Amino acid sequence: MKRIFLYLLVALYSSGVFAHATIGVLDINQALFNTDAWKQQVQELESTFSEDQSTADSLRQELQELQENLRINAPTFTLNEIQRIQEEAQFKQLQFQQIGERVQSTLKTSQNQFLERYRNLLGEALNEIYAEGGYDFILRSESVVVSGFTYDITSEVTAKLNELITGLNDISQ
């Protein structure tokens, strides 16, 4: 009987504690990749790949023209002409795909380097938000399914990261 009473007391106390807990929820990727520093890096990447973007746009247009030409004129073309157009289209499609893969690879590498460069500042920003907000827990957003007593602190962490990155850049200059 004492054990049952003890279990009930612990259960009631535990639910009471969690009902008053302040839990922050953080989307780490959103916090990092909404920073001013990342937005600036994306602008630099876009300017680096502007020529590739122009090439991709041209290839897309040429592919559409080839497909339209083939659709309209296929009945009047010889098999050799059709095969030549299809081969040309495949070659342009391959070029287009290679540009996309190169851009995606560079973007992924940049994201990983950015994460590594600012990993410590992310921890520092998170600790400051934790202390300032009086949170009992901070959980990653992926681990929270449903809860009625959580606070999304992602924008706060992003703002703190912006401050810390700016301070770091000011010191290094």
N, C-alpha and C. Protein backbone atom coordinates (compact mmCIF):
# COMPACT_ATOMS: atom_id res chain seq x y z
N MET A 1 0.82 -1.19 0.00
CA MET A 1 0.00 0.00 0.00
C MET A 1 0.87 1.26 0.00
N LYS A 2 1.96 1.20 0.78
CA LYS A 2 2.86 2.35 0.83
C LYS A 2 3.48 2.60 -0.54
N ARG A 3 3.82 1.51 -1.25
CA ARG A 3 4.43 1.66 -2.58
C ARG A 3 3.46 2.32 -3.55
N ILE A 4 2.22 1.90 -3.52
CA ILE A 4 1.23 2.48 -4.43
C ILE A 4 1.07 3.96 -4.12
N PHE A 5 0.98 4.30 -2.87
CA PHE A 5 0.87 5.70 -2.47
C PHE A 5 2.09 6.48 -2.93
N LEU A 6 3.27 5.90 -2.77
CA LEU A 6 4.52 6.55 -3.18
C LEU A 6 4.54 6.76 -4.69
N TYR A 7 4.12 5.73 -5.46
CA TYR A 7 4.07 5.86 -6.91
C TYR A 7 3.10 6.95 -7.34
N LEU A 8 1.94 7.00 -6.71
CA LEU A 8 0.96 8.03 -7.03
C LEU A 8 1.50 9.42 -6.71
N LEU A 9 2.17 9.56 -5.58
CA LEU A 9 2.74 10.83 -5.18
C LEU A 9 3.80 11.28 -6.18
N VAL A 10 4.67 10.35 -6.57
CA VAL A 10 5.72 10.67 -7.55
C VAL A 10 5.09 11.04 -8.89
N ALA A 11 4.07 10.30 -9.31
CA ALA A 11 3.41 10.58 -10.59
C ALA A 11 2.75 11.96 -10.57
N LEU A 12 2.06 12.27 -9.51
CA LEU A 12 1.42 13.58 -9.41
C LEU A 12 2.44 14.69 -9.36
N TYR A 13 3.51 14.51 -8.61
CA TYR A 13 4.55 15.51 -8.50
C TYR A 13 5.25 15.71 -9.85
N SER A 14 5.54 14.61 -10.53
CA SER A 14 6.22 14.69 -11.82
C SER A 14 5.39 15.44 -12.84
N SER A 15 4.10 15.12 -12.94
CA SER A 15 3.27 15.81 -13.92
C SER A 15 3.12 17.28 -13.54
N GLY A 16 3.12 17.59 -12.27
CA GLY A 16 3.05 18.98 -11.83
C GLY A 16 4.30 19.75 -12.19
N VAL A 17 5.44 19.10 -12.08
CA VAL A 17 6.70 19.75 -12.43
C VAL A 17 6.73 20.02 -13.93
N PHE A 18 6.36 19.03 -14.74
CA PHE A 18 6.42 19.22 -16.18
C PHE A 18 5.36 20.19 -16.68
N ALA A 19 4.25 20.30 -15.98
CA ALA A 19 3.21 21.24 -16.38
C ALA A 19 3.71 22.67 -16.23
N HIS A 20 4.67 22.90 -15.37
CA HIS A 20 5.19 24.25 -15.14
C HIS A 20 6.58 24.43 -15.73
N ALA A 21 7.07 23.45 -16.44
CA ALA A 21 8.39 23.54 -17.04
C ALA A 21 8.34 24.47 -18.24
N THR A 22 9.42 25.19 -18.43
CA THR A 22 9.55 26.05 -19.59
C THR A 22 10.48 25.34 -20.56
N ILE A 23 9.91 24.98 -21.70
CA ILE A 23 10.65 24.18 -22.68
C ILE A 23 10.79 24.99 -23.96
N GLY A 24 12.03 25.18 -24.36
CA GLY A 24 12.31 25.85 -25.63
C GLY A 24 12.50 24.82 -26.71
N VAL A 25 12.06 25.16 -27.91
CA VAL A 25 12.22 24.28 -29.06
C VAL A 25 13.04 25.02 -30.10
N LEU A 26 14.02 24.32 -30.65
CA LEU A 26 14.96 24.96 -31.58
C LEU A 26 15.09 24.15 -32.86
N ASP A 27 14.97 24.82 -33.99
CA ASP A 27 15.29 24.24 -35.29
C ASP A 27 16.69 24.74 -35.63
N ILE A 28 17.68 23.87 -35.42
CA ILE A 28 19.08 24.27 -35.55
C ILE A 28 19.39 24.75 -36.97
N ASN A 29 18.94 24.01 -37.97
CA ASN A 29 19.23 24.42 -39.35
C ASN A 29 18.63 25.78 -39.68
N GLN A 30 17.42 25.99 -39.26
CA GLN A 30 16.78 27.28 -39.51
C GLN A 30 17.51 28.39 -38.77
N ALA A 31 17.93 28.14 -37.54
CA ALA A 31 18.65 29.14 -36.77
C ALA A 31 19.97 29.52 -37.45
N LEU A 32 20.71 28.53 -37.90
CA LEU A 32 21.99 28.78 -38.55
C LEU A 32 21.84 29.43 -39.92
N PHE A 33 20.94 28.86 -40.72
CA PHE A 33 20.87 29.28 -42.10
C PHE A 33 19.91 30.44 -42.34
N ASN A 34 19.46 31.08 -41.27
CA ASN A 34 18.75 32.35 -41.37
C ASN A 34 19.61 33.51 -40.88
N THR A 35 20.86 33.22 -40.53
CA THR A 35 21.74 34.28 -40.06
C THR A 35 22.15 35.19 -41.21
N ASP A 36 22.51 36.40 -40.87
CA ASP A 36 22.98 37.35 -41.87
C ASP A 36 24.24 36.84 -42.56
N ALA A 37 25.12 36.19 -41.79
CA ALA A 37 26.37 35.67 -42.35
C ALA A 37 26.09 34.62 -43.42
N TRP A 38 25.11 33.74 -43.19
CA TRP A 38 24.80 32.73 -44.20
C TRP A 38 24.16 33.38 -45.42
N LYS A 39 23.27 34.35 -45.21
CA LYS A 39 22.64 35.03 -46.34
C LYS A 39 23.69 35.72 -47.21
N GLN A 40 24.70 36.29 -46.57
CA GLN A 40 25.79 36.92 -47.32
C GLN A 40 26.58 35.87 -48.10
N GLN A 41 26.82 34.73 -47.48
CA GLN A 41 27.55 33.66 -48.15
C GLN A 41 26.76 33.13 -49.35
N VAL A 42 25.45 33.05 -49.23
CA VAL A 42 24.61 32.61 -50.33
C VAL A 42 24.69 33.61 -51.49
N GLN A 43 24.70 34.90 -51.17
CA GLN A 43 24.83 35.92 -52.21
C GLN A 43 26.16 35.77 -52.94
N GLU A 44 27.23 35.48 -52.20
CA GLU A 44 28.54 35.27 -52.82
C GLU A 44 28.52 34.03 -53.70
N LEU A 45 27.86 32.97 -53.24
CA LEU A 45 27.75 31.75 -54.06
C LEU A 45 26.95 32.02 -55.33
N GLU A 46 25.87 32.79 -55.20
CA GLU A 46 25.06 33.11 -56.37
C GLU A 46 25.87 33.89 -57.40
N SER A 47 26.70 34.83 -56.94
CA SER A 47 27.51 35.58 -57.89
C SER A 47 28.58 34.68 -58.50
N THR A 48 29.12 33.74 -57.71
CA THR A 48 30.11 32.80 -58.22
C THR A 48 29.51 31.93 -59.31
N PHE A 49 28.26 31.53 -59.14
CA PHE A 49 27.62 30.63 -60.08
C PHE A 49 26.71 31.35 -61.07
N SER A 50 26.85 32.65 -61.21
CA SER A 50 25.99 33.38 -62.15
C SER A 50 26.21 32.91 -63.58
N GLU A 51 27.46 32.62 -63.94
CA GLU A 51 27.74 32.12 -65.29
C GLU A 51 27.10 30.74 -65.50
N ASP A 52 27.22 29.89 -64.48
CA ASP A 52 26.58 28.58 -64.57
C ASP A 52 25.07 28.72 -64.67
N GLN A 53 24.50 29.68 -63.97
CA GLN A 53 23.06 29.91 -64.04
C GLN A 53 22.66 30.33 -65.45
N SER A 54 23.44 31.21 -66.04
CA SER A 54 23.16 31.64 -67.42
C SER A 54 23.26 30.46 -68.38
N THR A 55 24.29 29.64 -68.20
CA THR A 55 24.47 28.46 -69.04
C THR A 55 23.29 27.50 -68.87
N ALA A 56 22.87 27.28 -67.63
CA ALA A 56 21.74 26.39 -67.37
C ALA A 56 20.46 26.94 -68.00
N ASP A 57 20.25 28.24 -67.91
CA ASP A 57 19.07 28.84 -68.53
C ASP A 57 19.09 28.66 -70.05
N SER A 58 20.27 28.86 -70.65
CA SER A 58 20.41 28.67 -72.10
C SER A 58 20.15 27.22 -72.48
N LEU A 59 20.72 26.30 -71.70
CA LEU A 59 20.51 24.88 -71.99
C LEU A 59 19.04 24.51 -71.89
N ARG A 60 18.38 25.01 -70.87
CA ARG A 60 16.94 24.74 -70.69
C ARG A 60 16.15 25.25 -71.90
N GLN A 61 16.47 26.45 -72.34
CA GLN A 61 15.78 27.03 -73.50
C GLN A 61 16.06 26.21 -74.76
N GLU A 62 17.32 25.82 -74.97
CA GLU A 62 17.68 25.03 -76.14
C GLU A 62 16.99 23.66 -76.12
N LEU A 63 16.90 23.06 -74.94
CA LEU A 63 16.20 21.79 -74.81
C LEU A 63 14.73 21.92 -75.19
N GLN A 64 14.11 22.97 -74.72
CA GLN A 64 12.70 23.19 -75.04
C GLN A 64 12.50 23.39 -76.54
N GLU A 65 13.43 24.13 -77.15
CA GLU A 65 13.34 24.36 -78.59
C GLU A 65 13.53 23.05 -79.36
N LEU A 66 14.49 22.24 -78.95
CA LEU A 66 14.71 20.95 -79.61
C LEU A 66 13.47 20.05 -79.49
N GLN A 67 12.90 20.00 -78.29
CA GLN A 67 11.72 19.17 -78.07
C GLN A 67 10.54 19.68 -78.89
N GLU A 68 10.38 20.97 -78.95
CA GLU A 68 9.29 21.56 -79.73
C GLU A 68 9.49 21.29 -81.22
N ASN A 69 10.73 21.44 -81.68
CA ASN A 69 11.06 21.18 -83.08
C ASN A 69 10.76 19.72 -83.42
N LEU A 70 11.15 18.83 -82.54
CA LEU A 70 10.93 17.41 -82.77
C LEU A 70 9.43 17.08 -82.76
N ARG A 71 8.71 17.69 -81.84
CA ARG A 71 7.26 17.44 -81.74
C ARG A 71 6.53 17.90 -83.01
N ILE A 72 6.91 19.07 -83.48
CA ILE A 72 6.21 19.64 -84.64
C ILE A 72 6.65 18.98 -85.95
N ASN A 73 7.96 18.79 -86.10
CA ASN A 73 8.50 18.39 -87.40
C ASN A 73 8.88 16.91 -87.52
N ALA A 74 8.66 16.13 -86.50
CA ALA A 74 9.05 14.72 -86.53
C ALA A 74 8.50 13.97 -87.75
N PRO A 75 7.26 14.22 -88.16
CA PRO A 75 6.75 13.48 -89.33
C PRO A 75 7.53 13.74 -90.62
N THR A 76 8.18 14.92 -90.70
CA THR A 76 8.90 15.26 -91.94
C THR A 76 10.38 14.93 -91.86
N PHE A 77 10.88 14.60 -90.66
CA PHE A 77 12.31 14.29 -90.48
C PHE A 77 12.60 12.84 -90.84
N THR A 78 13.85 12.63 -91.25
CA THR A 78 14.31 11.26 -91.47
C THR A 78 14.70 10.68 -90.11
N LEU A 79 14.88 9.38 -90.06
CA LEU A 79 15.29 8.75 -88.80
C LEU A 79 16.63 9.28 -88.33
N ASN A 80 17.54 9.56 -89.23
CA ASN A 80 18.86 10.11 -88.86
C ASN A 80 18.72 11.49 -88.24
N GLU A 81 17.83 12.32 -88.78
CA GLU A 81 17.61 13.66 -88.23
C GLU A 81 17.00 13.57 -86.83
N ILE A 82 16.06 12.69 -86.68
CA ILE A 82 15.42 12.50 -85.36
C ILE A 82 16.46 12.02 -84.35
N GLN A 83 17.28 11.06 -84.76
CA GLN A 83 18.31 10.52 -83.86
C GLN A 83 19.32 11.60 -83.50
N ARG A 84 19.72 12.42 -84.47
CA ARG A 84 20.68 13.50 -84.20
C ARG A 84 20.09 14.50 -83.19
N ILE A 85 18.84 14.86 -83.36
CA ILE A 85 18.19 15.81 -82.44
C ILE A 85 18.07 15.19 -81.04
N GLN A 86 17.71 13.93 -80.96
CA GLN A 86 17.61 13.26 -79.66
C GLN A 86 18.97 13.19 -78.97
N GLU A 87 20.02 12.89 -79.72
CA GLU A 87 21.38 12.85 -79.15
C GLU A 87 21.81 14.22 -78.66
N GLU A 88 21.50 15.24 -79.44
CA GLU A 88 21.82 16.62 -79.04
C GLU A 88 21.07 16.99 -77.75
N ALA A 89 19.82 16.59 -77.68
CA ALA A 89 19.02 16.87 -76.49
C ALA A 89 19.58 16.12 -75.28
N GLN A 90 19.98 14.87 -75.46
CA GLN A 90 20.57 14.11 -74.36
C GLN A 90 21.86 14.75 -73.88
N PHE A 91 22.69 15.24 -74.81
CA PHE A 91 23.94 15.89 -74.45
C PHE A 91 23.66 17.17 -73.65
N LYS A 92 22.71 17.95 -74.09
CA LYS A 92 22.36 19.19 -73.37
C LYS A 92 21.77 18.86 -71.99
N GLN A 93 20.98 17.81 -71.91
CA GLN A 93 20.42 17.38 -70.63
C GLN A 93 21.53 16.97 -69.67
N LEU A 94 22.53 16.27 -70.18
CA LEU A 94 23.67 15.86 -69.37
C LEU A 94 24.45 17.07 -68.87
N GLN A 95 24.67 18.04 -69.74
CA GLN A 95 25.36 19.27 -69.33
C GLN A 95 24.58 19.99 -68.23
N PHE A 96 23.28 20.08 -68.43
CA PHE A 96 22.39 20.72 -67.45
C PHE A 96 22.48 20.00 -66.10
N GLN A 97 22.46 18.70 -66.13
CA GLN A 97 22.54 17.89 -64.91
C GLN A 97 23.89 18.09 -64.21
N GLN A 98 24.97 18.15 -64.97
CA GLN A 98 26.29 18.35 -64.39
C GLN A 98 26.40 19.70 -63.69
N ILE A 99 25.82 20.72 -64.28
CA ILE A 99 25.82 22.04 -63.64
C ILE A 99 25.06 21.96 -62.32
N GLY A 100 23.89 21.34 -62.34
CA GLY A 100 23.09 21.21 -61.12
C GLY A 100 23.82 20.45 -60.03
N GLU A 101 24.49 19.37 -60.39
CA GLU A 101 25.24 18.58 -59.41
C GLU A 101 26.40 19.38 -58.83
N ARG A 102 27.09 20.13 -59.68
CA ARG A 102 28.22 20.94 -59.21
C ARG A 102 27.75 22.02 -58.23
N VAL A 103 26.64 22.67 -58.58
CA VAL A 103 26.09 23.71 -57.70
C VAL A 103 25.64 23.11 -56.38
N GLN A 104 24.93 21.98 -56.43
CA GLN A 104 24.46 21.32 -55.20
C GLN A 104 25.62 20.88 -54.33
N SER A 105 26.65 20.34 -54.93
CA SER A 105 27.82 19.89 -54.19
C SER A 105 28.51 21.06 -53.50
N THR A 106 28.66 22.15 -54.22
CA THR A 106 29.29 23.35 -53.65
C THR A 106 28.44 23.92 -52.52
N LEU A 107 27.14 23.94 -52.72
CA LEU A 107 26.24 24.44 -51.67
C LEU A 107 26.34 23.58 -50.42
N LYS A 108 26.33 22.27 -50.57
CA LYS A 108 26.42 21.36 -49.42
C LYS A 108 27.75 21.53 -48.71
N THR A 109 28.83 21.65 -49.46
CA THR A 109 30.15 21.88 -48.87
C THR A 109 30.17 23.20 -48.11
N SER A 110 29.59 24.24 -48.69
CA SER A 110 29.53 25.55 -48.02
C SER A 110 28.72 25.48 -46.73
N GLN A 111 27.61 24.76 -46.77
CA GLN A 111 26.80 24.61 -45.57
C GLN A 111 27.58 23.89 -44.47
N ASN A 112 28.28 22.83 -44.82
CA ASN A 112 29.07 22.09 -43.83
C ASN A 112 30.19 22.94 -43.26
N GLN A 113 30.87 23.70 -44.12
CA GLN A 113 31.94 24.57 -43.63
C GLN A 113 31.38 25.66 -42.72
N PHE A 114 30.24 26.21 -43.09
CA PHE A 114 29.60 27.24 -42.27
C PHE A 114 29.23 26.67 -40.91
N LEU A 115 28.66 25.48 -40.89
CA LEU A 115 28.29 24.82 -39.64
C LEU A 115 29.51 24.60 -38.76
N GLU A 116 30.60 24.12 -39.35
CA GLU A 116 31.82 23.89 -38.58
C GLU A 116 32.41 25.19 -38.04
N ARG A 117 32.39 26.23 -38.88
CA ARG A 117 32.96 27.52 -38.49
C ARG A 117 32.22 28.13 -37.31
N TYR A 118 30.90 27.97 -37.29
CA TYR A 118 30.10 28.65 -36.27
C TYR A 118 29.47 27.71 -35.25
N ARG A 119 29.92 26.46 -35.21
CA ARG A 119 29.37 25.48 -34.26
C ARG A 119 29.53 25.97 -32.81
N ASN A 120 30.69 26.47 -32.46
CA ASN A 120 30.92 26.94 -31.09
C ASN A 120 30.05 28.14 -30.76
N LEU A 121 29.89 29.04 -31.73
CA LEU A 121 29.03 30.21 -31.49
C LEU A 121 27.57 29.79 -31.34
N LEU A 122 27.16 28.76 -32.05
CA LEU A 122 25.80 28.25 -31.89
C LEU A 122 25.59 27.76 -30.46
N GLY A 123 26.57 27.02 -29.95
CA GLY A 123 26.48 26.55 -28.56
C GLY A 123 26.44 27.71 -27.58
N GLU A 124 27.27 28.71 -27.84
CA GLU A 124 27.29 29.89 -26.97
C GLU A 124 25.95 30.63 -27.02
N ALA A 125 25.41 30.82 -28.22
CA ALA A 125 24.12 31.50 -28.37
C ALA A 125 23.02 30.71 -27.66
N LEU A 126 23.05 29.41 -27.81
CA LEU A 126 22.05 28.55 -27.19
C LEU A 126 22.14 28.65 -25.67
N ASN A 127 23.35 28.63 -25.13
CA ASN A 127 23.53 28.76 -23.67
C ASN A 127 23.03 30.11 -23.16
N GLU A 128 23.29 31.17 -23.92
CA GLU A 128 22.82 32.50 -23.50
C GLU A 128 21.30 32.58 -23.52
N ILE A 129 20.68 32.05 -24.56
CA ILE A 129 19.21 32.06 -24.65
C ILE A 129 18.62 31.21 -23.53
N TYR A 130 19.26 30.08 -23.25
CA TYR A 130 18.81 29.19 -22.17
C TYR A 130 18.82 29.95 -20.84
N ALA A 131 19.91 30.64 -20.56
CA ALA A 131 20.03 31.36 -19.29
C ALA A 131 19.09 32.57 -19.24
N GLU A 132 19.06 33.35 -20.31
CA GLU A 132 18.23 34.55 -20.33
C GLU A 132 16.74 34.22 -20.26
N GLY A 133 16.34 33.13 -20.93
CA GLY A 133 14.92 32.78 -20.99
C GLY A 133 14.43 31.97 -19.83
N GLY A 134 15.34 31.52 -18.97
CA GLY A 134 14.94 30.71 -17.83
C GLY A 134 14.31 29.38 -18.24
N TYR A 135 14.83 28.80 -19.29
CA TYR A 135 14.28 27.53 -19.78
C TYR A 135 14.74 26.37 -18.91
N ASP A 136 13.84 25.41 -18.73
CA ASP A 136 14.19 24.18 -18.03
C ASP A 136 14.79 23.17 -19.00
N PHE A 137 14.30 23.20 -20.24
CA PHE A 137 14.78 22.30 -21.28
C PHE A 137 14.80 23.06 -22.60
N ILE A 138 15.73 22.69 -23.46
CA ILE A 138 15.68 23.12 -24.86
C ILE A 138 15.83 21.86 -25.69
N LEU A 139 14.84 21.64 -26.54
CA LEU A 139 14.81 20.43 -27.36
C LEU A 139 14.92 20.80 -28.83
N ARG A 140 15.49 19.89 -29.61
CA ARG A 140 15.51 20.06 -31.06
C ARG A 140 14.09 19.89 -31.58
N SER A 141 13.71 20.68 -32.53
CA SER A 141 12.34 20.64 -33.05
C SER A 141 11.98 19.27 -33.62
N GLU A 142 12.96 18.53 -34.14
CA GLU A 142 12.68 17.21 -34.69
C GLU A 142 12.22 16.22 -33.63
N SER A 143 12.56 16.48 -32.38
CA SER A 143 12.23 15.53 -31.33
C SER A 143 10.89 15.84 -30.65
N VAL A 144 10.25 16.93 -31.03
CA VAL A 144 8.98 17.30 -30.42
C VAL A 144 7.85 17.02 -31.41
N VAL A 145 6.93 16.17 -30.99
CA VAL A 145 5.81 15.85 -31.86
C VAL A 145 4.68 16.85 -31.59
N VAL A 146 4.19 16.89 -30.37
CA VAL A 146 3.13 17.81 -29.98
C VAL A 146 3.36 18.18 -28.53
N SER A 147 3.18 19.45 -28.24
CA SER A 147 3.28 19.88 -26.85
C SER A 147 2.53 21.19 -26.70
N GLY A 148 1.91 21.35 -25.56
CA GLY A 148 1.16 22.57 -25.30
C GLY A 148 1.93 23.59 -24.51
N PHE A 149 3.13 23.28 -24.11
CA PHE A 149 3.86 24.22 -23.27
C PHE A 149 5.31 24.36 -23.71
N THR A 150 5.50 24.64 -25.00
CA THR A 150 6.84 24.86 -25.52
C THR A 150 6.90 26.22 -26.21
N TYR A 151 8.10 26.72 -26.36
CA TYR A 151 8.33 28.01 -27.00
C TYR A 151 9.37 27.83 -28.10
N ASP A 152 9.06 28.31 -29.29
CA ASP A 152 10.01 28.23 -30.39
C ASP A 152 11.04 29.35 -30.18
N ILE A 153 12.27 28.97 -29.94
CA ILE A 153 13.32 29.94 -29.67
C ILE A 153 14.26 30.11 -30.87
N THR A 154 13.88 29.56 -32.01
CA THR A 154 14.75 29.59 -33.19
C THR A 154 15.14 31.01 -33.57
N SER A 155 14.18 31.91 -33.65
CA SER A 155 14.49 33.29 -34.06
C SER A 155 15.37 33.99 -33.03
N GLU A 156 15.18 33.67 -31.75
CA GLU A 156 16.04 34.25 -30.71
C GLU A 156 17.48 33.77 -30.87
N VAL A 157 17.64 32.49 -31.15
CA VAL A 157 18.98 31.94 -31.34
C VAL A 157 19.62 32.54 -32.58
N THR A 158 18.84 32.72 -33.65
CA THR A 158 19.37 33.35 -34.86
C THR A 158 19.84 34.76 -34.57
N ALA A 159 19.04 35.54 -33.84
CA ALA A 159 19.41 36.91 -33.49
C ALA A 159 20.68 36.93 -32.65
N LYS A 160 20.78 36.01 -31.69
CA LYS A 160 21.97 35.94 -30.84
C LYS A 160 23.18 35.55 -31.67
N LEU A 161 23.00 34.60 -32.59
CA LEU A 161 24.10 34.21 -33.48
C LEU A 161 24.56 35.38 -34.33
N ASN A 162 23.62 36.16 -34.84
CA ASN A 162 23.99 37.36 -35.61
C ASN A 162 24.86 38.29 -34.78
N GLU A 163 24.49 38.50 -33.53
CA GLU A 163 25.29 39.35 -32.63
C GLU A 163 26.69 38.77 -32.44
N LEU A 164 26.76 37.48 -32.14
CA LEU A 164 28.04 36.84 -31.87
C LEU A 164 28.95 36.81 -33.10
N ILE A 165 28.36 36.54 -34.26
CA ILE A 165 29.15 36.50 -35.49
C ILE A 165 29.67 37.89 -35.82
N THR A 166 28.82 38.90 -35.66
CA THR A 166 29.25 40.28 -35.90
C THR A 166 30.37 40.65 -34.94
N GLY A 167 30.23 40.28 -33.68
CA GLY A 167 31.29 40.55 -32.70
C GLY A 167 32.57 39.83 -33.04
N LEU A 168 32.48 38.60 -33.51
CA LEU A 168 33.66 37.83 -33.90
C LEU A 168 34.34 38.47 -35.10
N ASN A 169 33.54 38.91 -36.07
CA ASN A 169 34.10 39.56 -37.27
C ASN A 169 34.74 40.89 -36.92
N ASP A 170 34.14 41.63 -35.97
CA ASP A 170 34.72 42.92 -35.55
C ASP A 170 36.07 42.71 -34.88
N ILE A 171 36.19 41.65 -34.09
CA ILE A 171 37.44 41.35 -33.39
C ILE A 171 38.53 40.95 -34.39
N SER A 172 38.16 40.15 -35.40
CA SER A 172 39.15 39.64 -36.34
C SER A 172 39.60 40.71 -37.34
N GLN A 173 38.90 41.82 -37.41
CA GLN A 173 39.29 42.87 -38.38
C GLN A 173 40.16 43.85 -37.75
